[in-house]
Amino acid sequence: MTYLPSIYTFRYHIYTFT
């Protein structure tokens, strides 16, 4: 779990932004 959290956070931000 090194790059997974990053991607998850990115997706999370996108979901909250939209």
PDB file of N, CA and C in Angstrom:
ATOM      1  N   MET A   1       0.844  -1.197   0.000  1.00  0.00           N
ATOM      2  CA  MET A   1       0.000   0.000   0.000  1.00  0.00           C
ATOM      3  C   MET A   1       0.881   1.251   0.000  1.00  0.00           C
ATOM      4  N   THR A   2       1.289   1.607  -1.195  1.00  0.00           N
ATOM      5  CA  THR A   2       2.161   2.787  -1.295  1.00  0.00           C
ATOM      6  C   THR A   2       1.540   3.824  -2.216  1.00  0.00           C
ATOM      7  N   TYR A   3       1.078   3.375  -3.359  1.00  0.00           N
ATOM      8  CA  TYR A   3       0.474   4.303  -4.303  1.00  0.00           C
ATOM      9  C   TYR A   3      -1.054   4.214  -4.258  1.00  0.00           C
ATOM     10  N   LEU A   4      -1.555   3.168  -3.613  1.00  0.00           N
ATOM     11  CA  LEU A   4      -3.007   3.002  -3.512  1.00  0.00           C
ATOM     12  C   LEU A   4      -3.651   4.174  -2.774  1.00  0.00           C
ATOM     13  N   PRO A   5      -3.175   4.514  -1.585  1.00  0.00           N
ATOM     14  CA  PRO A   5      -3.752   5.618  -0.812  1.00  0.00           C
ATOM     15  C   PRO A   5      -3.797   6.909  -1.634  1.00  0.00           C
ATOM     16  N   SER A   6      -2.744   7.133  -2.420  1.00  0.00           N
ATOM     17  CA  SER A   6      -2.686   8.344  -3.231  1.00  0.00           C
ATOM     18  C   SER A   6      -3.843   8.378  -4.221  1.00  0.00           C
ATOM     19  N   ILE A   7      -4.019   7.278  -4.915  1.00  0.00           N
ATOM     20  CA  ILE A   7      -5.089   7.193  -5.907  1.00  0.00           C
ATOM     21  C   ILE A   7      -6.450   7.315  -5.227  1.00  0.00           C
ATOM     22  N   TYR A   8      -6.592   6.633  -4.113  1.00  0.00           N
ATOM     23  CA  TYR A   8      -7.856   6.685  -3.384  1.00  0.00           C
ATOM     24  C   TYR A   8      -8.177   8.114  -2.967  1.00  0.00           C
ATOM     25  N   THR A   9      -7.178   8.801  -2.503  1.00  0.00           N
ATOM     26  CA  THR A   9      -7.358  10.189  -2.078  1.00  0.00           C
ATOM     27  C   THR A   9      -7.742  11.058  -3.270  1.00  0.00           C
ATOM     28  N   PHE A  10      -7.083  10.788  -4.390  1.00  0.00           N
ATOM     29  CA  PHE A  10      -7.373  11.554  -5.601  1.00  0.00           C
ATOM     30  C   PHE A  10      -8.828  11.358  -6.005  1.00  0.00           C
ATOM     31  N   ARG A  11      -9.252  10.098  -6.036  1.00  0.00           N
ATOM     32  CA  ARG A  11     -10.632   9.791  -6.411  1.00  0.00           C
ATOM     33  C   ARG A  11     -11.589  10.431  -5.398  1.00  0.00           C
ATOM     34  N   TYR A  12     -11.217  10.355  -4.155  1.00  0.00           N
ATOM     35  CA  TYR A  12     -12.061  10.909  -3.095  1.00  0.00           C
ATOM     36  C   TYR A  12     -12.283  12.412  -3.312  1.00  0.00           C
ATOM     37  N   HIS A  13     -11.203  13.110  -3.597  1.00  0.00           N
ATOM     38  CA  HIS A  13     -11.297  14.544  -3.830  1.00  0.00           C
ATOM     39  C   HIS A  13     -12.189  14.839  -5.027  1.00  0.00           C
ATOM     40  N   ILE A  14     -12.049  14.032  -6.052  1.00  0.00           N
ATOM     41  CA  ILE A  14     -12.858  14.219  -7.254  1.00  0.00           C
ATOM     42  C   ILE A  14     -14.336  14.036  -6.914  1.00  0.00           C
ATOM     43  N   TYR A  15     -14.623  12.996  -6.148  1.00  0.00           N
ATOM     44  CA  TYR A  15     -16.012  12.711  -5.784  1.00  0.00           C
ATOM     45  C   TYR A  15     -16.604  13.853  -4.970  1.00  0.00           C
ATOM     46  N   THR A  16     -15.808  14.400  -4.094  1.00  0.00           N
ATOM     47  CA  THR A  16     -16.303  15.471  -3.237  1.00  0.00           C
ATOM     48  C   THR A  16     -16.408  16.779  -4.024  1.00  0.00           C
ATOM     49  N   PHE A  17     -15.539  16.922  -4.994  1.00  0.00           N
ATOM     50  CA  PHE A  17     -15.534  18.146  -5.802  1.00  0.00           C
ATOM     51  C   PHE A  17     -16.754  18.186  -6.709  1.00  0.00           C
ATOM     52  N   THR A  18     -17.061  17.057  -7.294  1.00  0.00           N
ATOM     53  CA  THR A  18     -18.197  17.007  -8.227  1.00  0.00           C
ATOM     54  C   THR A  18     -19.484  16.915  -7.425  1.00  0.00           C
TER      55      THR A  18
END
